[in-house]
Amino acid sequence: MLEIVQIPVLSDNYIYLIHEPLSGETAVVDAAVPEPVFAELDKRGWTLTKIFNTHHHPDHVGANLVLKEKTGCHITGPKAEQQRIPGIDRAVEEGDIVTLGDVEAKVFDVPGHTSGHNAYWFAEDKALFCGDTLFAMGCGRLFEGTPEQMFNSLNKFKSLPDETRIFCAHEYTQANGRFALSVEPDNKALVHRMKDVDGKRSKGIPTVPSLLSEEKATNPFLRVENAERFGEVRRLKDNF
């Protein structure tokens, strides 16, 4: 089993360390800033060997060059954005496999938030690192992609097992949930989930990761039936 450590940084970002204990390999997903990563590595006695980037935004790749300079780690990122990924060594696309020790992750191309966004799916551990594509009860803004692209990207995730853990990159859950309730005020699963979310956030407890089954029941962007309706809901969220 992989060991996954969640590091809160900036105002609402999450960086993830993924450690494979048999090989001793450790990867960081979307390192925004270096200092908290180094602190967590030192605390656990782990050595950073890889970086997995989901997309090019600075709050996801900002620490790439410092981490690479200090550790010699290998950087993987989306092929469609390789010119915008600092220090990239390997550019990957849909269907490619990345490894951590003997553990494999499948790469998904999931454009929408950015034009070349990708995600990493560790099937054995049922862990999805999806960057800013899917959030707890939300999805990323369409900065570079189209509603149709994002709708298709999210549908790829819907085919994964319900017990999949969604390791998204931001703590947006409470605001996302408030919007979701405006779309589906009578969704009992959503009402119940928001009570839990509000309770956790009042104590400073993360609401991430979530389960795909929860998202299917409460996330309005996974509950639309076509790209046109997705676009409508996304526009409502942008103006909420």
C-alpha atoms as a PDB file:
ATOM      1  CA  MET A   1       0.000   0.000   0.000  1.00  0.00           C
ATOM      2  CA  LEU A   2       1.162   3.491  -0.811  1.00  0.00           C
ATOM      3  CA  GLU A   3       1.592   5.989   1.994  1.00  0.00           C
ATOM      4  CA  ILE A   4      -0.047   9.287   1.043  1.00  0.00           C
ATOM      5  CA  VAL A   5       0.640  12.482   2.971  1.00  0.00           C
ATOM      6  CA  GLN A   6      -1.430  15.612   2.454  1.00  0.00           C
ATOM      7  CA  ILE A   7       0.366  18.946   2.907  1.00  0.00           C
ATOM      8  CA  PRO A   8      -1.800  22.097   3.117  1.00  0.00           C
ATOM      9  CA  VAL A   9      -0.032  25.147   1.648  1.00  0.00           C
ATOM     10  CA  LEU A  10      -0.811  28.696   0.541  1.00  0.00           C
ATOM     11  CA  SER A  11      -4.442  29.599   1.257  1.00  0.00           C
ATOM     12  CA  ASP A  12      -6.184  26.445   0.075  1.00  0.00           C
ATOM     13  CA  ASN A  13      -3.776  24.219  -1.923  1.00  0.00           C
ATOM     14  CA  TYR A  14      -2.921  20.612  -1.162  1.00  0.00           C
ATOM     15  CA  ILE A  15       0.415  19.065  -2.093  1.00  0.00           C
ATOM     16  CA  TYR A  16       0.653  15.282  -1.882  1.00  0.00           C
ATOM     17  CA  LEU A  17       3.597  13.056  -1.066  1.00  0.00           C
ATOM     18  CA  ILE A  18       3.242   9.457  -2.263  1.00  0.00           C
ATOM     19  CA  HIS A  19       5.654   6.969  -0.707  1.00  0.00           C
ATOM     20  CA  GLU A  20       6.164   3.405  -1.923  1.00  0.00           C
ATOM     21  CA  PRO A  21       7.696   1.632   1.094  1.00  0.00           C
ATOM     22  CA  LEU A  22       9.237  -1.405  -0.633  1.00  0.00           C
ATOM     23  CA  SER A  23      11.401   0.617  -3.014  1.00  0.00           C
ATOM     24  CA  GLY A  24      11.659   3.688  -0.817  1.00  0.00           C
ATOM     25  CA  GLU A  25      10.634   5.881  -3.729  1.00  0.00           C
ATOM     26  CA  THR A  26       8.703   9.056  -2.978  1.00  0.00           C
ATOM     27  CA  ALA A  27       6.850  11.321  -5.398  1.00  0.00           C
ATOM     28  CA  VAL A  28       5.309  14.724  -4.885  1.00  0.00           C
ATOM     29  CA  VAL A  29       2.164  15.714  -6.771  1.00  0.00           C
ATOM     30  CA  ASP A  30       1.829  19.364  -7.796  1.00  0.00           C
ATOM     31  CA  ALA A  31       4.403  21.004  -5.549  1.00  0.00           C
ATOM     32  CA  ALA A  32       3.428  24.653  -5.230  1.00  0.00           C
ATOM     33  CA  VAL A  33       6.180  25.670  -2.803  1.00  0.00           C
ATOM     34  CA  PRO A  34       9.295  23.776  -1.701  1.00  0.00           C
ATOM     35  CA  GLU A  35       9.708  24.415   2.033  1.00  0.00           C
ATOM     36  CA  PRO A  36       6.755  22.356   3.340  1.00  0.00           C
ATOM     37  CA  VAL A  37       7.790  19.480   1.047  1.00  0.00           C
ATOM     38  CA  PHE A  38      11.337  19.453   2.404  1.00  0.00           C
ATOM     39  CA  ALA A  39      10.017  19.668   5.967  1.00  0.00           C
ATOM     40  CA  GLU A  40       7.725  16.669   5.497  1.00  0.00           C
ATOM     41  CA  LEU A  41      10.436  14.632   3.755  1.00  0.00           C
ATOM     42  CA  ASP A  42      12.883  15.344   6.584  1.00  0.00           C
ATOM     43  CA  LYS A  43      10.288  14.512   9.216  1.00  0.00           C
ATOM     44  CA  ARG A  44       9.672  11.102   7.667  1.00  0.00           C
ATOM     45  CA  GLY A  45      13.176  10.317   6.467  1.00  0.00           C
ATOM     46  CA  TRP A  46      12.015  10.002   2.876  1.00  0.00           C
ATOM     47  CA  THR A  47      13.990  10.845  -0.259  1.00  0.00           C
ATOM     48  CA  LEU A  48      12.194  12.587  -3.109  1.00  0.00           C
ATOM     49  CA  THR A  49      12.665  10.762  -6.409  1.00  0.00           C
ATOM     50  CA  LYS A  50       9.813  12.013  -8.622  1.00  0.00           C
ATOM     51  CA  ILE A  51       7.417  14.856  -9.281  1.00  0.00           C
ATOM     52  CA  PHE A  52       4.065  14.277 -10.964  1.00  0.00           C
ATOM     53  CA  ASN A  53       2.527  17.456 -12.361  1.00  0.00           C
ATOM     54  CA  THR A  54      -1.117  17.608 -13.466  1.00  0.00           C
ATOM     55  CA  HIS A  55      -0.950  20.990 -15.218  1.00  0.00           C
ATOM     56  CA  HIS A  56       1.149  24.089 -15.680  1.00  0.00           C
ATOM     57  CA  HIS A  57      -0.357  26.620 -13.271  1.00  0.00           C
ATOM     58  CA  PRO A  58       2.232  28.176 -10.916  1.00  0.00           C
ATOM     59  CA  ASP A  59       0.528  26.907  -7.756  1.00  0.00           C
ATOM     60  CA  HIS A  60       1.158  23.390  -9.062  1.00  0.00           C
ATOM     61  CA  VAL A  61       4.654  23.622 -10.553  1.00  0.00           C
ATOM     62  CA  GLY A  62       6.181  26.465  -8.543  1.00  0.00           C
ATOM     63  CA  ALA A  63       8.583  24.251  -6.591  1.00  0.00           C
ATOM     64  CA  ASN A  64       9.705  22.047  -9.496  1.00  0.00           C
ATOM     65  CA  LEU A  65      13.115  23.565 -10.142  1.00  0.00           C
ATOM     66  CA  VAL A  66      14.111  23.974  -6.483  1.00  0.00           C
ATOM     67  CA  LEU A  67      13.108  20.402  -5.661  1.00  0.00           C
ATOM     68  CA  LYS A  68      14.929  19.061  -8.707  1.00  0.00           C
ATOM     69  CA  GLU A  69      18.078  21.037  -7.929  1.00  0.00           C
ATOM     70  CA  LYS A  70      18.180  19.805  -4.321  1.00  0.00           C
ATOM     71  CA  THR A  71      17.194  16.162  -4.893  1.00  0.00           C
ATOM     72  CA  GLY A  72      17.812  15.309  -8.548  1.00  0.00           C
ATOM     73  CA  CYS A  73      14.219  14.099  -8.796  1.00  0.00           C
ATOM     74  CA  HIS A  74      12.618  13.184 -12.131  1.00  0.00           C
ATOM     75  CA  ILE A  75       9.726  15.372 -13.312  1.00  0.00           C
ATOM     76  CA  THR A  76       6.723  14.038 -15.225  1.00  0.00           C
ATOM     77  CA  GLY A  77       3.976  16.209 -16.666  1.00  0.00           C
ATOM     78  CA  PRO A  78       1.369  16.443 -19.413  1.00  0.00           C
ATOM     79  CA  LYS A  79       2.657  16.188 -22.957  1.00  0.00           C
ATOM     80  CA  ALA A  80       0.275  18.868 -24.211  1.00  0.00           C
ATOM     81  CA  GLU A  81       1.767  21.350 -21.729  1.00  0.00           C
ATOM     82  CA  GLN A  82       5.387  20.235 -21.676  1.00  0.00           C
ATOM     83  CA  GLN A  83       6.667  23.641 -22.794  1.00  0.00           C
ATOM     84  CA  ARG A  84       5.061  25.126 -19.683  1.00  0.00           C
ATOM     85  CA  ILE A  85       6.235  22.550 -17.097  1.00  0.00           C
ATOM     86  CA  PRO A  86       9.523  23.694 -15.482  1.00  0.00           C
ATOM     87  CA  GLY A  87      12.245  21.037 -15.497  1.00  0.00           C
ATOM     88  CA  ILE A  88      10.141  18.356 -17.179  1.00  0.00           C
ATOM     89  CA  ASP A  89      11.942  15.096 -17.990  1.00  0.00           C
ATOM     90  CA  ARG A  90       9.071  12.981 -19.266  1.00  0.00           C
ATOM     91  CA  ALA A  91       5.942  14.144 -21.079  1.00  0.00           C
ATOM     92  CA  VAL A  92       2.973  11.770 -20.744  1.00  0.00           C
ATOM     93  CA  GLU A  93      -0.459  11.447 -22.295  1.00  0.00           C
ATOM     94  CA  GLU A  94      -3.610   9.311 -22.174  1.00  0.00           C
ATOM     95  CA  GLY A  95      -2.833   5.629 -21.626  1.00  0.00           C
ATOM     96  CA  ASP A  96       0.775   6.102 -20.533  1.00  0.00           C
ATOM     97  CA  ILE A  97       1.950   4.470 -17.305  1.00  0.00           C
ATOM     98  CA  VAL A  98       4.034   6.082 -14.593  1.00  0.00           C
ATOM     99  CA  THR A  99       5.638   4.091 -11.808  1.00  0.00           C
ATOM    100  CA  LEU A 100       6.644   4.504  -8.199  1.00  0.00           C
ATOM    101  CA  GLY A 101       8.709   1.469  -7.322  1.00  0.00           C
ATOM    102  CA  ASP A 102       6.688  -1.424  -8.718  1.00  0.00           C
ATOM    103  CA  VAL A 103       3.388   0.439  -8.340  1.00  0.00           C
ATOM    104  CA  GLU A 104       1.848   1.710 -11.551  1.00  0.00           C
ATOM    105  CA  ALA A 105      -0.448   4.637 -12.273  1.00  0.00           C
ATOM    106  CA  LYS A 106      -2.385   5.202 -15.460  1.00  0.00           C
ATOM    107  CA  VAL A 107      -2.380   8.649 -17.027  1.00  0.00           C
ATOM    108  CA  PHE A 108      -5.638  10.277 -18.113  1.00  0.00           C
ATOM    109  CA  ASP A 109      -5.847  13.292 -20.410  1.00  0.00           C
ATOM    110  CA  VAL A 110      -8.501  15.512 -18.810  1.00  0.00           C
ATOM    111  CA  PRO A 111      -8.521  18.931 -20.527  1.00  0.00           C
ATOM    112  CA  GLY A 112     -10.921  21.640 -19.469  1.00  0.00           C
ATOM    113  CA  HIS A 113      -9.320  23.605 -16.655  1.00  0.00           C
ATOM    114  CA  THR A 114      -6.228  23.864 -18.864  1.00  0.00           C
ATOM    115  CA  SER A 115      -5.739  22.645 -22.408  1.00  0.00           C
ATOM    116  CA  GLY A 116      -3.474  19.733 -21.509  1.00  0.00           C
ATOM    117  CA  HIS A 117      -4.402  18.838 -17.916  1.00  0.00           C
ATOM    118  CA  ASN A 118      -3.812  15.231 -16.886  1.00  0.00           C
ATOM    119  CA  ALA A 119      -4.505  12.970 -13.899  1.00  0.00           C
ATOM    120  CA  TYR A 120      -2.834   9.930 -12.323  1.00  0.00           C
ATOM    121  CA  TRP A 121      -4.846   6.854 -11.316  1.00  0.00           C
ATOM    122  CA  PHE A 122      -3.236   4.316  -8.951  1.00  0.00           C
ATOM    123  CA  ALA A 123      -5.620   1.412  -9.455  1.00  0.00           C
ATOM    124  CA  GLU A 124      -4.280  -0.893  -6.727  1.00  0.00           C
ATOM    125  CA  ASP A 125      -4.649   1.829  -4.121  1.00  0.00           C
ATOM    126  CA  LYS A 126      -7.814   3.271  -5.676  1.00  0.00           C
ATOM    127  CA  ALA A 127      -6.247   6.725  -5.544  1.00  0.00           C
ATOM    128  CA  LEU A 128      -6.857   9.425  -8.154  1.00  0.00           C
ATOM    129  CA  PHE A 129      -4.705  12.555  -8.254  1.00  0.00           C
ATOM    130  CA  CYS A 130      -6.772  14.858 -10.416  1.00  0.00           C
ATOM    131  CA  GLY A 131      -5.309  18.327  -9.846  1.00  0.00           C
ATOM    132  CA  ASP A 132      -7.911  20.980 -10.628  1.00  0.00           C
ATOM    133  CA  THR A 133     -10.213  18.895 -12.833  1.00  0.00           C
ATOM    134  CA  LEU A 134     -12.507  17.387 -10.200  1.00  0.00           C
ATOM    135  CA  PHE A 135     -13.021  18.909  -6.756  1.00  0.00           C
ATOM    136  CA  ALA A 136     -15.088  17.755  -3.827  1.00  0.00           C
ATOM    137  CA  MET A 137     -18.587  18.824  -4.940  1.00  0.00           C
ATOM    138  CA  GLY A 138     -17.115  20.887  -7.773  1.00  0.00           C
ATOM    139  CA  CYS A 139     -14.820  21.079 -10.779  1.00  0.00           C
ATOM    140  CA  GLY A 140     -12.170  23.446 -12.089  1.00  0.00           C
ATOM    141  CA  ARG A 141     -12.905  26.667 -13.912  1.00  0.00           C
ATOM    142  CA  LEU A 142     -12.634  26.489 -17.687  1.00  0.00           C
ATOM    143  CA  PHE A 143      -9.609  28.707 -18.205  1.00  0.00           C
ATOM    144  CA  GLU A 144      -8.405  27.078 -21.434  1.00  0.00           C
ATOM    145  CA  GLY A 145     -10.895  24.352 -22.312  1.00  0.00           C
ATOM    146  CA  THR A 146     -14.523  24.012 -23.347  1.00  0.00           C
ATOM    147  CA  PRO A 147     -17.565  22.697 -21.489  1.00  0.00           C
ATOM    148  CA  GLU A 148     -17.586  19.674 -23.799  1.00  0.00           C
ATOM    149  CA  GLN A 149     -13.956  18.903 -22.977  1.00  0.00           C
ATOM    150  CA  MET A 150     -14.532  19.119 -19.244  1.00  0.00           C
ATOM    151  CA  PHE A 151     -17.730  17.093 -19.419  1.00  0.00           C
ATOM    152  CA  ASN A 152     -15.855  14.337 -21.266  1.00  0.00           C
ATOM    153  CA  SER A 153     -12.950  14.537 -18.831  1.00  0.00           C
ATOM    154  CA  LEU A 154     -15.201  14.113 -15.807  1.00  0.00           C
ATOM    155  CA  ASN A 155     -16.953  11.196 -17.476  1.00  0.00           C
ATOM    156  CA  LYS A 156     -13.621   9.355 -17.562  1.00  0.00           C
ATOM    157  CA  PHE A 157     -13.513   9.532 -13.774  1.00  0.00           C
ATOM    158  CA  LYS A 158     -17.106   8.320 -13.446  1.00  0.00           C
ATOM    159  CA  SER A 159     -16.043   4.962 -14.866  1.00  0.00           C
ATOM    160  CA  LEU A 160     -13.644   4.344 -11.956  1.00  0.00           C
ATOM    161  CA  PRO A 161     -14.671   2.290  -8.895  1.00  0.00           C
ATOM    162  CA  ASP A 162     -17.021   4.018  -6.456  1.00  0.00           C
ATOM    163  CA  GLU A 163     -14.483   3.562  -3.633  1.00  0.00           C
ATOM    164  CA  THR A 164     -11.881   5.622  -5.498  1.00  0.00           C
ATOM    165  CA  ARG A 165     -10.347   8.311  -3.290  1.00  0.00           C
ATOM    166  CA  ILE A 166     -10.296  11.713  -4.969  1.00  0.00           C
ATOM    167  CA  PHE A 167      -7.126  13.588  -4.060  1.00  0.00           C
ATOM    168  CA  CYS A 168      -7.899  16.991  -5.540  1.00  0.00           C
ATOM    169  CA  ALA A 169      -5.606  19.980  -5.196  1.00  0.00           C
ATOM    170  CA  HIS A 170      -7.724  22.541  -3.314  1.00  0.00           C
ATOM    171  CA  GLU A 171      -9.899  22.863  -0.218  1.00  0.00           C
ATOM    172  CA  TYR A 172     -12.906  24.363  -1.989  1.00  0.00           C
ATOM    173  CA  THR A 173     -15.488  21.963  -0.599  1.00  0.00           C
ATOM    174  CA  GLN A 174     -17.522  24.279   1.586  1.00  0.00           C
ATOM    175  CA  ALA A 175     -18.043  26.908  -1.125  1.00  0.00           C
ATOM    176  CA  ASN A 176     -18.688  24.197  -3.712  1.00  0.00           C
ATOM    177  CA  GLY A 177     -21.288  22.629  -1.457  1.00  0.00           C
ATOM    178  CA  ARG A 178     -23.145  25.886  -1.000  1.00  0.00           C
ATOM    179  CA  PHE A 179     -23.416  26.201  -4.750  1.00  0.00           C
ATOM    180  CA  ALA A 180     -24.458  22.557  -5.110  1.00  0.00           C
ATOM    181  CA  LEU A 181     -27.319  23.170  -2.686  1.00  0.00           C
ATOM    182  CA  SER A 182     -28.520  26.042  -4.865  1.00  0.00           C
ATOM    183  CA  VAL A 183     -28.757  23.589  -7.767  1.00  0.00           C
ATOM    184  CA  GLU A 184     -30.196  20.629  -5.845  1.00  0.00           C
ATOM    185  CA  PRO A 185     -31.723  21.943  -2.587  1.00  0.00           C
ATOM    186  CA  ASP A 186     -33.743  18.742  -2.094  1.00  0.00           C
ATOM    187  CA  ASN A 187     -30.799  16.346  -2.505  1.00  0.00           C
ATOM    188  CA  LYS A 188     -30.803  14.579   0.889  1.00  0.00           C
ATOM    189  CA  ALA A 189     -27.315  13.149   0.383  1.00  0.00           C
ATOM    190  CA  LEU A 190     -26.042  16.640  -0.343  1.00  0.00           C
ATOM    191  CA  VAL A 191     -27.737  18.184   2.685  1.00  0.00           C
ATOM    192  CA  HIS A 192     -26.246  15.478   4.912  1.00  0.00           C
ATOM    193  CA  ARG A 193     -22.797  15.872   3.395  1.00  0.00           C
ATOM    194  CA  MET A 194     -22.782  19.626   3.889  1.00  0.00           C
ATOM    195  CA  LYS A 195     -23.498  19.224   7.589  1.00  0.00           C
ATOM    196  CA  ASP A 196     -20.440  16.986   7.818  1.00  0.00           C
ATOM    197  CA  VAL A 197     -18.332  19.400   5.745  1.00  0.00           C
ATOM    198  CA  ASP A 198     -19.351  22.406   7.835  1.00  0.00           C
ATOM    199  CA  GLY A 199     -18.492  20.496  10.996  1.00  0.00           C
ATOM    200  CA  LYS A 200     -15.066  19.511   9.724  1.00  0.00           C
ATOM    201  CA  ARG A 201     -14.178  22.971   8.476  1.00  0.00           C
ATOM    202  CA  SER A 202     -15.223  24.587  11.759  1.00  0.00           C
ATOM    203  CA  LYS A 203     -12.491  22.452  13.353  1.00  0.00           C
ATOM    204  CA  GLY A 204      -9.956  22.979  10.580  1.00  0.00           C
ATOM    205  CA  ILE A 205     -10.236  19.361   9.409  1.00  0.00           C
ATOM    206  CA  PRO A 206      -9.661  18.710   5.668  1.00  0.00           C
ATOM    207  CA  THR A 207     -12.620  17.498   3.605  1.00  0.00           C
ATOM    208  CA  VAL A 208     -10.248  16.017   1.003  1.00  0.00           C
ATOM    209  CA  PRO A 209      -9.886  13.264  -0.103  1.00  0.00           C
ATOM    210  CA  SER A 210     -13.461  12.358  -0.868  1.00  0.00           C
ATOM    211  CA  LEU A 211     -14.892   9.191  -2.381  1.00  0.00           C
ATOM    212  CA  LEU A 212     -16.117   8.961  -5.941  1.00  0.00           C
ATOM    213  CA  SER A 213     -19.390   7.516  -4.650  1.00  0.00           C
ATOM    214  CA  GLU A 214     -19.914  10.729  -2.641  1.00  0.00           C
ATOM    215  CA  GLU A 215     -19.198  12.840  -5.690  1.00  0.00           C
ATOM    216  CA  LYS A 216     -21.647  10.910  -7.838  1.00  0.00           C
ATOM    217  CA  ALA A 217     -24.339  11.518  -5.225  1.00  0.00           C
ATOM    218  CA  THR A 218     -23.646  15.190  -4.461  1.00  0.00           C
ATOM    219  CA  ASN A 219     -21.457  16.859  -7.106  1.00  0.00           C
ATOM    220  CA  PRO A 220     -23.638  18.745  -9.599  1.00  0.00           C
ATOM    221  CA  PHE A 221     -20.942  18.527 -12.292  1.00  0.00           C
ATOM    222  CA  LEU A 222     -21.001  14.731 -12.179  1.00  0.00           C
ATOM    223  CA  ARG A 223     -24.792  14.627 -12.174  1.00  0.00           C
ATOM    224  CA  VAL A 224     -25.463  16.368 -15.487  1.00  0.00           C
ATOM    225  CA  GLU A 225     -26.331  14.268 -18.521  1.00  0.00           C
ATOM    226  CA  ASN A 226     -24.777  16.241 -21.359  1.00  0.00           C
ATOM    227  CA  ALA A 227     -22.183  18.892 -22.164  1.00  0.00           C
ATOM    228  CA  GLU A 228     -24.794  21.583 -22.766  1.00  0.00           C
ATOM    229  CA  ARG A 229     -26.219  21.223 -19.277  1.00  0.00           C
ATOM    230  CA  PHE A 230     -22.704  21.018 -17.856  1.00  0.00           C
ATOM    231  CA  GLY A 231     -21.936  24.374 -19.479  1.00  0.00           C
ATOM    232  CA  GLU A 232     -25.057  25.903 -17.962  1.00  0.00           C
ATOM    233  CA  VAL A 233     -24.174  24.706 -14.465  1.00  0.00           C
ATOM    234  CA  ARG A 234     -20.558  25.838 -14.845  1.00  0.00           C
ATOM    235  CA  ARG A 235     -21.721  29.340 -15.848  1.00  0.00           C
ATOM    236  CA  LEU A 236     -24.012  29.447 -12.816  1.00  0.00           C
ATOM    237  CA  LYS A 237     -21.084  28.501 -10.576  1.00  0.00           C
ATOM    238  CA  ASP A 238     -18.847  31.167 -12.147  1.00  0.00           C
ATOM    239  CA  ASN A 239     -21.404  33.807 -11.164  1.00  0.00           C
ATOM    240  CA  PHE A 240     -22.443  32.340  -7.808  1.00  0.00           C
END
